[in-house]
Amino acid sequence: MRRVFIYDTTLRDGSQGAGISFTIEDKIKIVKALDSFGVSYVEGGYPGANPKDDLFFEQMKKVELKNAKLTAFGSTRRKDISVEKDEVLKAILKSGVKTACIFGKSWDLHVKQALKTTNEENLKMIYESISFLKSKKLEVIFDAEHYFDGYKSNKIYAFEVVGAAIAAGADVICLCETNGGTLPSDIGTIVKKTITAFPAVKFGIHAHNDSDCAVANSIVAAEEGCLLVQGTINGIGERCGNANLCSIIPSIQIKKGYECVSNKNLKKLSEISRYVNEISNLIPNDSEPYVGKNAFAHKAGVHVSAIKRAPETYEHIDPSLVGNSRRILVSDLAGKSNVVSKAVEMDLGIENAPEKVKRIVEIVKAKENEGFQYEDADASFFLTTKKALESFKPFFVLKGYRVAVEKRLTGEIISEATVKLDIKGKEEHTVAEGDGPVNALDHCLRKALIKYYPEIEDAVLTDFKVRVVNSNANTAAKVRVLIESSDSSKSWGTIGVNENIIDASWQALSDSIEYKLLNKSKK
């Protein structure tokens, strides 16, 4: 197996994405996770650029990494200054790393317009900076910035830049597709010609996603001989983001046979994707290839029927290889196969009862016609099924509720709910306030139930979403309320639909509590 080294720049290039800001503690956590995952390099930041990065590198001196090499990023020396006096290079040395990645201009347009210097001086800046770091016993990766635009503009000068870096002793020359506008066919051609011109050198690729080709460009570059791939977890980064390592790693390891991480660690890919999203405070992309929640979700009945017989009919890989799992969605597009698969998953015991399956399919389709959607509401689907099979005994019966919202002259808003329930033959009448009408209803329901079912205490609402079902009805439209709840062992989703948002919320809230109680009673 050909080895392709993975260079993660989530903490540097990824942190330049809009809305992303890592604390020092965040960065250390991510470094440890990436090291455990098995990437070859973790770029920690730009020492000397800000106090946070300096403190991060200082604290990382106490952290022992098992797999990854911590790397400091920087630029070549400034024009008209010696390497010994350049603050960026001195900061790299002070960081204590054993590997440095420095970038230099390979597009003569940038040399003239951005650096405002000559092509010859730029070559000296590259050569002297790399030589200086090599003299200090550092491994040096040279990022040839804007290489592909530079190659297309002035191939001879782009080659001179690569030659200067090689002559200075660079360990890897990373060809950077900095603007993100080059297409895969051009990437392949330019990489091939460059590697042919410099056959004894290790090359890498650094791609951006401005034309949605960063992953494809990275794969093509690896196929043409690049032995190092730079990117970020989940593709976060400036503008449209960087090359997404969560797609690149499994693509070239599973499909091309290149070794990036161990197969055992590859199973952690979905986990590390979620982990970085959580620390970055980003909403996960459910449709992200390989690691997304819906990457192996099947809705159409024909698809579900087929994958039961042969998963490869609609799954390009086994989801467990990347730590993901198959999801069978139940909807108005569902057939018997969906319901049977879901029934087996939920241990409903109806897979050998075709009449019951048929009845549930009809009920689900009728419910979806009313606006219900069970893709993210497994708990409500479970309860709907149990009720349809007449195998559900309710834990409580609603006799009525009332919600009042009062805004006072002071601007204070008071929400109060009153609920009447029949619980085990006894009437409970409770009143509670909350931060809004739904929160008041939630408090009121729990207040009535807690002395009968103390196990609900650890069940908490973790997400609340409202969607309009038929927007053409304006303010009289139906709304769909989706609630996610969790306890110490699992999470579950419930749904409610009504023209009245309060009643839709009540349906989802009561389903959530009943599902919790039903699972507790089963145990």
Protein backbone atom coordinates (compact mmCIF):
# COMPACT_ATOMS: atom_id res chain seq x y z
CA MET A 1 0.00 0.00 0.00
CA ARG A 2 1.33 3.44 -0.94
CA ARG A 3 1.52 5.73 2.06
CA VAL A 4 -0.16 9.13 1.79
CA PHE A 5 0.60 11.40 4.73
CA ILE A 6 -2.30 13.44 6.12
CA TYR A 7 -1.52 17.00 7.15
CA ASP A 8 -4.34 18.55 9.17
CA THR A 9 -4.66 22.33 9.19
CA THR A 10 -8.00 22.59 11.03
CA LEU A 11 -6.47 24.70 13.79
CA ARG A 12 -4.86 27.20 11.42
CA ASP A 13 -6.50 27.34 8.00
CA GLY A 14 -9.76 25.91 9.37
CA SER A 15 -9.95 28.53 12.11
CA GLN A 16 -10.01 31.22 9.40
CA GLY A 17 -13.53 30.12 8.47
CA ALA A 18 -16.34 32.56 9.26
CA GLY A 19 -17.77 32.15 12.75
CA ILE A 20 -15.01 29.83 14.00
CA SER A 21 -12.86 30.75 17.00
CA PHE A 22 -10.92 28.21 19.01
CA THR A 23 -9.75 28.74 22.56
CA ILE A 24 -6.36 27.35 23.57
CA GLU A 25 -8.18 24.55 25.39
CA ASP A 26 -10.19 23.80 22.22
CA LYS A 27 -7.03 23.57 20.16
CA ILE A 28 -5.31 21.20 22.58
CA LYS A 29 -8.38 18.94 22.65
CA ILE A 30 -8.47 18.79 18.85
CA VAL A 31 -4.73 18.10 18.61
CA LYS A 32 -5.11 15.15 20.99
CA ALA A 33 -8.09 13.81 19.02
CA LEU A 34 -6.25 14.10 15.70
CA ASP A 35 -3.18 12.44 17.18
CA SER A 36 -5.31 9.56 18.44
CA PHE A 37 -6.94 9.33 15.01
CA GLY A 38 -3.52 8.88 13.45
CA VAL A 39 -2.88 11.85 11.14
CA SER A 40 0.77 12.46 10.33
CA TYR A 41 0.90 16.24 10.90
CA VAL A 42 -1.19 18.71 12.90
CA GLU A 43 -0.64 22.35 12.08
CA GLY A 44 -1.12 24.22 15.34
CA GLY A 45 -1.12 27.79 14.16
CA TYR A 46 1.02 30.77 13.21
CA PRO A 47 3.49 31.55 16.05
CA GLY A 48 4.14 35.24 16.45
CA ALA A 49 0.86 36.16 14.76
CA ASN A 50 -1.09 36.52 18.03
CA PRO A 51 -0.63 35.85 21.76
CA LYS A 52 -3.09 32.92 21.70
CA ASP A 53 -1.03 30.94 19.22
CA ASP A 54 2.16 31.68 21.15
CA LEU A 55 0.59 30.45 24.39
CA PHE A 56 -0.79 27.38 22.62
CA PHE A 57 2.66 26.32 21.40
CA GLU A 58 4.07 26.99 24.86
CA GLN A 59 1.47 24.72 26.46
CA MET A 60 1.93 22.05 23.79
CA LYS A 61 5.54 21.61 24.93
CA LYS A 62 4.04 19.65 27.85
CA VAL A 63 1.86 17.44 25.62
CA GLU A 64 3.30 14.21 24.27
CA LEU A 65 1.95 13.13 20.88
CA LYS A 66 2.13 9.50 19.72
CA ASN A 67 1.38 9.72 16.01
CA ALA A 68 1.27 13.31 14.78
CA LYS A 69 4.02 15.86 14.36
CA LEU A 70 3.00 19.27 15.68
CA THR A 71 3.76 21.82 12.98
CA ALA A 72 4.17 25.58 13.09
CA PHE A 73 3.10 27.68 10.12
CA GLY A 74 4.78 30.81 8.83
CA SER A 75 6.01 32.73 5.82
CA THR A 76 9.38 33.14 4.19
CA ARG A 77 11.48 36.04 5.43
CA ARG A 78 10.39 39.52 4.47
CA LYS A 79 12.16 41.25 1.62
CA ASP A 80 15.34 43.15 2.38
CA ILE A 81 15.88 41.58 5.80
CA SER A 82 18.14 38.75 6.95
CA VAL A 83 16.69 35.44 8.12
CA GLU A 84 18.33 35.87 11.53
CA LYS A 85 16.35 39.07 12.09
CA ASP A 86 13.02 37.92 10.64
CA GLU A 87 10.38 37.83 13.39
CA VAL A 88 8.30 35.09 11.78
CA LEU A 89 11.20 32.66 11.48
CA LYS A 90 12.36 33.46 15.01
CA ALA A 91 8.84 32.78 16.30
CA ILE A 92 8.81 29.37 14.59
CA LEU A 93 12.06 28.44 16.35
CA LYS A 94 10.76 29.72 19.66
CA SER A 95 7.60 27.58 19.35
CA GLY A 96 9.70 24.48 19.99
CA VAL A 97 8.31 22.43 17.08
CA LYS A 98 10.41 20.01 15.05
CA THR A 99 8.43 20.59 11.84
CA ALA A 100 7.72 23.89 10.14
CA CYS A 101 5.53 24.70 7.16
CA ILE A 102 6.36 27.99 5.45
CA PHE A 103 4.71 29.45 2.39
CA GLY A 104 6.22 31.44 -0.43
CA LYS A 105 4.88 32.99 -3.61
CA SER A 106 4.99 30.91 -6.78
CA TRP A 107 2.85 33.23 -8.92
CA ASP A 108 4.84 36.14 -10.29
CA LEU A 109 1.71 38.33 -10.14
CA HIS A 110 1.79 38.02 -6.35
CA VAL A 111 5.51 38.68 -6.23
CA LYS A 112 5.00 42.00 -7.97
CA GLN A 113 1.61 43.05 -6.54
CA ALA A 114 1.55 41.56 -3.02
CA LEU A 115 5.23 41.46 -2.05
CA LYS A 116 6.21 44.40 -4.27
CA THR A 117 9.57 42.87 -4.98
CA THR A 118 11.42 41.19 -7.82
CA ASN A 119 11.24 37.56 -8.92
CA GLU A 120 14.90 37.15 -8.02
CA GLU A 121 14.43 38.49 -4.48
CA ASN A 122 11.46 36.18 -3.96
CA LEU A 123 13.61 33.18 -4.90
CA LYS A 124 16.25 34.31 -2.38
CA MET A 125 13.58 34.71 0.32
CA ILE A 126 12.44 31.13 -0.28
CA TYR A 127 15.92 29.62 -0.46
CA GLU A 128 17.34 31.45 2.56
CA SER A 129 14.30 30.85 4.78
CA ILE A 130 14.23 27.10 4.16
CA SER A 131 18.04 26.85 4.52
CA PHE A 132 17.87 28.71 7.81
CA LEU A 133 15.23 26.39 9.29
CA LYS A 134 17.04 23.31 7.99
CA SER A 135 20.25 24.54 9.66
CA LYS A 136 18.29 24.47 12.93
CA LYS A 137 17.47 20.76 12.34
CA LEU A 138 13.79 21.31 11.49
CA GLU A 139 11.79 19.28 9.02
CA VAL A 140 10.50 21.82 6.49
CA ILE A 141 7.39 21.64 4.32
CA PHE A 142 7.25 24.37 1.72
CA ASP A 143 3.81 25.56 0.62
CA ALA A 144 4.12 26.87 -2.93
CA GLU A 145 1.27 29.36 -2.66
CA HIS A 146 -0.92 29.94 -5.74
CA TYR A 147 1.12 27.29 -7.55
CA PHE A 148 -1.51 26.33 -10.12
CA ASP A 149 -2.35 29.92 -11.07
CA GLY A 150 1.38 30.62 -11.17
CA TYR A 151 2.03 27.61 -13.38
CA LYS A 152 -0.66 28.67 -15.84
CA SER A 153 0.68 32.24 -15.88
CA ASN A 154 4.40 31.58 -15.95
CA LYS A 155 5.40 27.92 -15.87
CA ILE A 156 9.13 28.67 -15.97
CA TYR A 157 9.01 30.86 -12.87
CA ALA A 158 6.78 28.40 -10.99
CA PHE A 159 9.40 25.72 -11.67
CA GLU A 160 12.14 28.09 -10.48
CA VAL A 161 10.30 28.49 -7.17
CA VAL A 162 10.08 24.72 -6.74
CA GLY A 163 13.74 24.40 -7.68
CA ALA A 164 14.78 27.00 -5.10
CA ALA A 165 12.88 25.19 -2.35
CA ILE A 166 14.42 21.86 -3.32
CA ALA A 167 17.93 23.33 -3.45
CA ALA A 168 17.43 24.76 0.04
CA GLY A 169 16.61 21.29 1.37
CA ALA A 170 12.79 21.33 1.74
CA ASP A 171 11.50 17.90 2.78
CA VAL A 172 8.14 18.29 1.01
CA ILE A 173 6.97 20.71 -1.67
CA CYS A 174 3.24 21.27 -1.23
CA LEU A 175 1.51 22.59 -4.35
CA CYS A 176 -1.20 25.00 -3.19
CA GLU A 177 -4.42 25.59 -5.11
CA THR A 178 -4.96 28.73 -3.06
CA ASN A 179 -7.78 30.38 -5.01
CA GLY A 180 -9.80 27.17 -5.29
CA GLY A 181 -10.72 27.75 -8.94
CA THR A 182 -8.73 25.09 -10.78
CA LEU A 183 -10.61 22.02 -12.02
CA PRO A 184 -9.50 18.40 -11.45
CA SER A 185 -8.35 17.76 -15.03
CA ASP A 186 -5.96 20.73 -14.86
CA ILE A 187 -4.79 19.74 -11.38
CA GLY A 188 -3.91 16.27 -12.62
CA THR A 189 -2.02 17.56 -15.64
CA ILE A 190 -0.01 20.17 -13.71
CA VAL A 191 0.84 17.83 -10.83
CA LYS A 192 1.98 15.14 -13.26
CA LYS A 193 4.20 17.54 -15.21
CA THR A 194 5.68 19.00 -12.04
CA ILE A 195 6.50 15.63 -10.50
CA THR A 196 7.98 14.50 -13.83
CA ALA A 197 10.22 17.58 -13.84
CA PHE A 198 11.36 16.93 -10.26
CA PRO A 199 11.19 13.13 -9.86
CA ALA A 200 13.29 12.75 -6.70
CA VAL A 201 11.13 15.03 -4.52
CA LYS A 202 8.19 14.38 -2.22
CA PHE A 203 5.18 16.51 -3.26
CA GLY A 204 1.94 17.40 -1.52
CA ILE A 205 -1.37 19.09 -2.35
CA HIS A 206 -3.27 21.88 -0.57
CA ALA A 207 -6.67 22.64 -2.10
CA HIS A 208 -9.45 25.13 -1.41
CA ASN A 209 -13.11 24.60 -2.23
CA ASP A 210 -14.17 27.75 -4.08
CA SER A 211 -15.31 25.73 -7.12
CA ASP A 212 -16.48 22.76 -4.98
CA CYS A 213 -13.57 20.67 -6.28
CA ALA A 214 -11.19 20.60 -3.29
CA VAL A 215 -11.79 16.94 -2.49
CA ALA A 216 -11.65 15.87 -6.14
CA ASN A 217 -8.51 17.95 -6.71
CA SER A 218 -6.82 16.35 -3.70
CA ILE A 219 -7.71 12.83 -4.86
CA VAL A 220 -6.46 13.50 -8.40
CA ALA A 221 -3.21 14.94 -7.01
CA ALA A 222 -2.70 11.83 -4.88
CA GLU A 223 -3.35 9.63 -7.89
CA GLU A 224 -0.70 11.55 -9.84
CA GLY A 225 1.89 11.02 -7.14
CA CYS A 226 1.45 13.53 -4.29
CA LEU A 227 2.41 11.80 -1.05
CA LEU A 228 1.04 14.43 1.35
CA VAL A 229 -2.48 15.85 1.48
CA GLN A 230 -3.38 18.97 3.45
CA GLY A 231 -6.94 19.66 4.55
CA THR A 232 -9.30 20.18 7.47
CA ILE A 233 -11.86 18.12 9.33
CA ASN A 234 -15.30 18.72 7.77
CA GLY A 235 -13.70 21.03 5.21
CA ILE A 236 -13.91 24.14 7.40
CA GLY A 237 -11.86 27.11 6.31
CA GLU A 238 -11.77 30.54 4.75
CA ARG A 239 -14.30 31.49 2.07
CA CYS A 240 -15.81 28.18 0.86
CA GLY A 241 -13.53 26.08 3.02
CA ASN A 242 -10.58 23.73 2.61
CA ALA A 243 -10.33 20.21 1.25
CA ASN A 244 -12.44 17.98 3.51
CA LEU A 245 -10.29 15.27 5.07
CA CYS A 246 -13.42 13.38 6.13
CA SER A 247 -14.04 12.70 2.44
CA ILE A 248 -10.47 12.48 1.19
CA ILE A 249 -9.18 9.93 3.71
CA PRO A 250 -11.82 7.22 3.11
CA SER A 251 -11.87 7.88 -0.64
CA ILE A 252 -8.17 7.26 -1.17
CA GLN A 253 -7.80 4.63 1.55
CA ILE A 254 -10.86 2.47 0.87
CA LYS A 255 -11.19 3.03 -2.87
CA LYS A 256 -7.57 3.55 -3.97
CA GLY A 257 -5.80 1.39 -1.43
CA TYR A 258 -3.50 4.15 -0.12
CA GLU A 259 -2.63 4.05 3.57
CA CYS A 260 -3.51 7.23 5.48
CA VAL A 261 -4.45 5.94 8.96
CA SER A 262 -4.96 2.45 10.30
CA ASN A 263 -8.21 0.73 9.37
CA LYS A 264 -9.00 0.58 13.08
CA ASN A 265 -8.64 4.36 13.37
CA LEU A 266 -10.64 4.92 10.19
CA LYS A 267 -13.66 3.71 12.15
CA LYS A 268 -13.24 6.83 14.33
CA LEU A 269 -13.80 9.16 11.36
CA SER A 270 -17.48 9.92 12.04
CA GLU A 271 -16.72 10.43 15.70
CA ILE A 272 -13.93 12.95 15.07
CA SER A 273 -16.13 14.78 12.55
CA ARG A 274 -18.82 15.25 15.21
CA TYR A 275 -16.22 16.14 17.84
CA VAL A 276 -14.71 18.97 15.78
CA ASN A 277 -18.18 20.28 14.90
CA GLU A 278 -19.09 20.31 18.57
CA ILE A 279 -15.95 22.20 19.61
CA SER A 280 -16.31 24.57 16.65
CA ASN A 281 -19.94 25.21 17.64
CA LEU A 282 -21.04 24.28 14.11
CA ILE A 283 -24.27 22.57 13.09
CA PRO A 284 -23.27 19.27 11.47
CA ASN A 285 -24.02 18.82 7.79
CA ASP A 286 -26.30 15.77 7.89
CA SER A 287 -25.66 15.15 4.20
CA GLU A 288 -21.86 15.25 4.45
CA PRO A 289 -20.41 12.25 2.58
CA TYR A 290 -19.17 9.31 4.64
CA VAL A 291 -19.73 10.87 8.09
CA GLY A 292 -23.07 12.71 7.85
CA LYS A 293 -26.16 11.49 9.64
CA ASN A 294 -27.86 10.93 6.28
CA ALA A 295 -24.84 9.58 4.40
CA PHE A 296 -26.34 6.09 4.58
CA ALA A 297 -30.01 6.98 5.09
CA HIS A 298 -32.57 5.22 2.90
CA LYS A 299 -36.10 6.45 2.35
CA ALA A 300 -37.49 5.03 -0.89
CA GLY A 301 -39.10 1.64 -0.42
CA VAL A 302 -37.35 0.22 -3.51
CA HIS A 303 -33.96 1.18 -2.05
CA VAL A 304 -34.68 -0.34 1.35
CA SER A 305 -35.92 -3.56 -0.20
CA ALA A 306 -32.74 -3.80 -2.27
CA ILE A 307 -30.22 -3.10 0.51
CA LYS A 308 -31.83 -5.78 2.65
CA ARG A 309 -30.77 -8.27 0.01
CA ALA A 310 -27.48 -6.67 -1.00
CA PRO A 311 -26.29 -3.46 0.75
CA GLU A 312 -23.96 -2.58 -2.13
CA THR A 313 -27.01 -1.87 -4.34
CA TYR A 314 -27.37 1.58 -2.74
CA GLU A 315 -24.31 1.93 -0.47
CA HIS A 316 -20.91 2.58 -2.02
CA ILE A 317 -19.10 1.35 1.12
CA ASP A 318 -19.95 -0.42 4.36
CA PRO A 319 -20.83 2.50 6.70
CA SER A 320 -19.14 0.79 9.64
CA LEU A 321 -15.75 1.28 7.93
CA VAL A 322 -15.94 4.98 8.79
CA GLY A 323 -17.82 4.60 12.07
CA ASN A 324 -21.20 5.49 10.60
CA SER A 325 -24.40 3.44 10.42
CA ARG A 326 -27.33 2.80 8.13
CA ARG A 327 -30.60 4.65 8.75
CA ILE A 328 -33.95 3.45 7.47
CA LEU A 329 -36.39 6.36 7.14
CA VAL A 330 -40.12 5.90 7.39
CA SER A 331 -42.21 8.31 5.31
CA ASP A 332 -44.92 8.58 2.70
CA LEU A 333 -42.38 7.14 0.27
CA ALA A 334 -41.91 4.11 2.49
CA GLY A 335 -42.91 0.62 1.54
CA LYS A 336 -43.21 -2.54 3.55
CA SER A 337 -39.45 -2.99 3.54
CA ASN A 338 -38.95 0.29 5.41
CA VAL A 339 -41.51 -0.60 8.06
CA VAL A 340 -40.18 -4.13 8.49
CA SER A 341 -36.59 -2.87 8.81
CA LYS A 342 -37.66 -0.26 11.33
CA ALA A 343 -39.74 -2.84 13.21
CA VAL A 344 -36.73 -5.12 13.52
CA GLU A 345 -34.55 -2.21 14.64
CA MET A 346 -37.10 -1.24 17.31
CA ASP A 347 -37.98 -4.80 18.30
CA LEU A 348 -41.68 -4.36 17.49
CA GLY A 349 -42.11 -8.01 16.56
CA ILE A 350 -44.24 -7.50 13.44
CA GLU A 351 -41.81 -8.55 10.70
CA ASN A 352 -43.71 -11.83 10.23
CA ALA A 353 -47.17 -10.24 10.38
CA PRO A 354 -47.93 -8.80 6.89
CA GLU A 355 -51.39 -7.50 7.80
CA LYS A 356 -49.95 -5.48 10.67
CA VAL A 357 -47.17 -4.14 8.46
CA LYS A 358 -49.73 -3.10 5.85
CA ARG A 359 -51.81 -1.30 8.49
CA ILE A 360 -48.78 0.62 9.79
CA VAL A 361 -47.73 1.64 6.26
CA GLU A 362 -51.23 3.03 5.66
CA ILE A 363 -51.22 4.91 8.97
CA VAL A 364 -47.76 6.39 8.35
CA LYS A 365 -48.74 7.60 4.88
CA ALA A 366 -51.95 9.13 6.21
CA LYS A 367 -50.03 10.85 9.00
CA GLU A 368 -47.42 12.21 6.58
CA ASN A 369 -50.26 13.58 4.45
CA GLU A 370 -51.32 15.55 7.53
CA GLY A 371 -47.80 16.98 7.86
CA PHE A 372 -46.08 14.46 10.13
CA GLN A 373 -42.53 13.44 9.25
CA TYR A 374 -40.90 10.60 11.12
CA GLU A 375 -37.34 10.79 9.74
CA ASP A 376 -36.07 12.50 12.90
CA ALA A 377 -38.89 11.36 15.18
CA ASP A 378 -38.25 7.67 15.78
CA ALA A 379 -39.87 7.82 19.21
CA SER A 380 -43.15 9.16 17.81
CA PHE A 381 -43.06 6.51 15.09
CA PHE A 382 -42.58 3.85 17.75
CA LEU A 383 -45.55 5.12 19.78
CA THR A 384 -47.73 5.49 16.66
CA THR A 385 -46.95 1.89 15.76
CA LYS A 386 -47.65 0.59 19.25
CA LYS A 387 -50.98 2.41 19.33
CA ALA A 388 -51.91 1.12 15.87
CA LEU A 389 -51.20 -2.42 17.07
CA GLU A 390 -53.30 -1.74 20.18
CA SER A 391 -50.34 -2.84 22.30
CA PHE A 392 -49.81 0.43 24.14
CA LYS A 393 -51.20 1.26 27.54
CA PRO A 394 -50.92 5.01 28.21
CA PHE A 395 -49.11 6.18 31.32
CA PHE A 396 -51.38 9.22 31.59
CA VAL A 397 -54.45 10.64 29.85
CA LEU A 398 -54.88 14.34 29.10
CA LYS A 399 -58.16 15.78 30.37
CA GLY A 400 -57.27 19.33 29.38
CA TYR A 401 -54.68 22.08 29.39
CA ARG A 402 -54.68 25.86 29.30
CA VAL A 403 -51.83 28.25 28.53
CA ALA A 404 -51.80 31.97 29.29
CA VAL A 405 -49.22 34.55 28.26
CA GLU A 406 -49.26 37.99 29.89
CA LYS A 407 -47.08 40.97 29.02
CA ARG A 408 -46.97 43.58 31.76
CA LEU A 409 -46.31 47.32 31.61
CA THR A 410 -42.77 46.70 32.82
CA GLY A 411 -42.12 44.65 29.70
CA GLU A 412 -41.98 41.39 31.67
CA ILE A 413 -43.65 38.42 29.97
CA ILE A 414 -45.25 35.73 32.14
CA SER A 415 -46.16 32.33 30.68
CA GLU A 416 -48.35 30.03 32.78
CA ALA A 417 -49.76 26.59 32.02
CA THR A 418 -52.47 24.55 33.71
CA VAL A 419 -52.77 20.82 33.01
CA LYS A 420 -55.32 18.21 34.08
CA LEU A 421 -54.24 14.58 33.78
CA ASP A 422 -55.64 11.21 34.68
CA ILE A 423 -52.73 9.23 36.13
CA LYS A 424 -53.40 5.69 37.28
CA GLY A 425 -57.04 6.58 37.92
CA LYS A 426 -56.25 9.75 39.87
CA GLU A 427 -56.77 13.29 38.66
CA GLU A 428 -53.80 15.61 38.86
CA HIS A 429 -54.34 19.34 38.37
CA THR A 430 -51.09 21.33 38.23
CA VAL A 431 -49.98 24.87 37.45
CA ALA A 432 -46.50 26.00 36.44
CA GLU A 433 -44.71 28.96 34.90
CA GLY A 434 -41.96 28.86 32.31
CA ASP A 435 -39.82 30.83 29.88
CA GLY A 436 -42.49 30.83 27.21
CA PRO A 437 -45.67 28.76 26.78
CA VAL A 438 -43.94 25.52 25.70
CA ASN A 439 -41.53 25.62 28.61
CA ALA A 440 -44.47 26.26 30.97
CA LEU A 441 -46.32 23.23 29.53
CA ASP A 442 -43.20 21.11 29.94
CA HIS A 443 -42.80 22.16 33.58
CA CYS A 444 -46.47 21.57 34.25
CA LEU A 445 -46.48 18.08 32.71
CA ARG A 446 -43.40 17.04 34.67
CA LYS A 447 -44.78 18.50 37.88
CA ALA A 448 -47.89 16.34 37.54
CA LEU A 449 -45.99 13.15 36.68
CA ILE A 450 -42.89 13.27 38.85
CA LYS A 451 -44.37 11.68 41.99
CA TYR A 452 -45.75 8.78 39.96
CA TYR A 453 -42.80 8.39 37.62
CA PRO A 454 -39.61 9.76 39.22
CA GLU A 455 -37.57 8.28 36.37
CA ILE A 456 -38.50 11.24 34.13
CA GLU A 457 -36.26 13.53 36.17
CA ASP A 458 -33.17 12.87 34.04
CA ALA A 459 -35.00 13.34 30.72
CA VAL A 460 -34.17 16.75 29.27
CA LEU A 461 -35.20 18.60 26.13
CA THR A 462 -32.08 19.21 24.00
CA ASP A 463 -33.52 20.70 20.81
CA PHE A 464 -36.77 22.33 19.68
CA LYS A 465 -37.55 23.09 16.02
CA VAL A 466 -40.62 24.54 14.35
CA ARG A 467 -41.34 24.27 10.62
CA VAL A 468 -44.30 25.57 8.62
CA VAL A 469 -46.02 22.74 6.73
CA ASN A 470 -48.28 24.67 4.32
CA SER A 471 -46.91 28.20 4.03
CA ASN A 472 -49.62 29.24 1.55
CA ALA A 473 -52.06 29.32 4.47
CA ASN A 474 -50.08 32.21 5.99
CA THR A 475 -50.74 32.63 9.73
CA ALA A 476 -53.31 29.80 9.65
CA ALA A 477 -50.69 27.34 8.42
CA LYS A 478 -49.99 24.04 10.11
CA VAL A 479 -46.71 23.85 11.96
CA ARG A 480 -44.51 20.85 12.62
CA VAL A 481 -42.74 20.77 15.97
CA LEU A 482 -39.73 18.47 16.34
CA ILE A 483 -38.31 17.90 19.80
CA GLU A 484 -35.12 16.06 20.65
CA SER A 485 -34.79 14.71 24.18
CA SER A 486 -32.13 12.74 25.98
CA ASP A 487 -31.31 11.06 29.26
CA SER A 488 -28.16 9.50 30.65
CA SER A 489 -28.20 6.65 28.13
CA LYS A 490 -29.78 7.75 24.83
CA SER A 491 -31.53 10.46 22.83
CA TRP A 492 -34.82 10.35 20.90
CA GLY A 493 -36.96 12.52 18.66
CA THR A 494 -40.68 13.25 18.75
CA ILE A 495 -43.07 15.24 16.57
CA GLY A 496 -46.35 17.13 16.72
CA VAL A 497 -48.40 18.79 13.95
CA ASN A 498 -51.27 21.24 14.27
CA GLU A 499 -52.43 24.69 13.17
CA ASN A 500 -51.93 25.63 16.82
CA ILE A 501 -48.23 25.69 17.72
CA ILE A 502 -49.04 25.04 21.39
CA ASP A 503 -50.91 21.84 20.64
CA ALA A 504 -48.22 20.68 18.21
CA SER A 505 -45.71 21.24 20.99
CA TRP A 506 -47.90 19.34 23.46
CA GLN A 507 -48.03 16.33 21.14
CA ALA A 508 -44.23 16.24 20.87
CA LEU A 509 -43.71 16.85 24.60
CA SER A 510 -46.14 14.17 25.71
CA ASP A 511 -44.70 11.68 23.19
CA SER A 512 -41.25 12.37 24.58
CA ILE A 513 -42.29 11.59 28.14
CA GLU A 514 -44.31 8.52 27.15
CA TYR A 515 -41.41 7.12 25.15
CA LYS A 516 -39.10 7.60 28.12
CA LEU A 517 -41.56 5.83 30.43
CA LEU A 518 -42.19 3.01 27.95
CA ASN A 519 -38.48 2.29 27.61
CA LYS A 520 -38.07 2.37 31.37
CA SER A 521 -40.96 -0.05 31.88
CA LYS A 522 -39.54 -2.42 29.23
CA LYS A 523 -36.27 -2.55 31.12
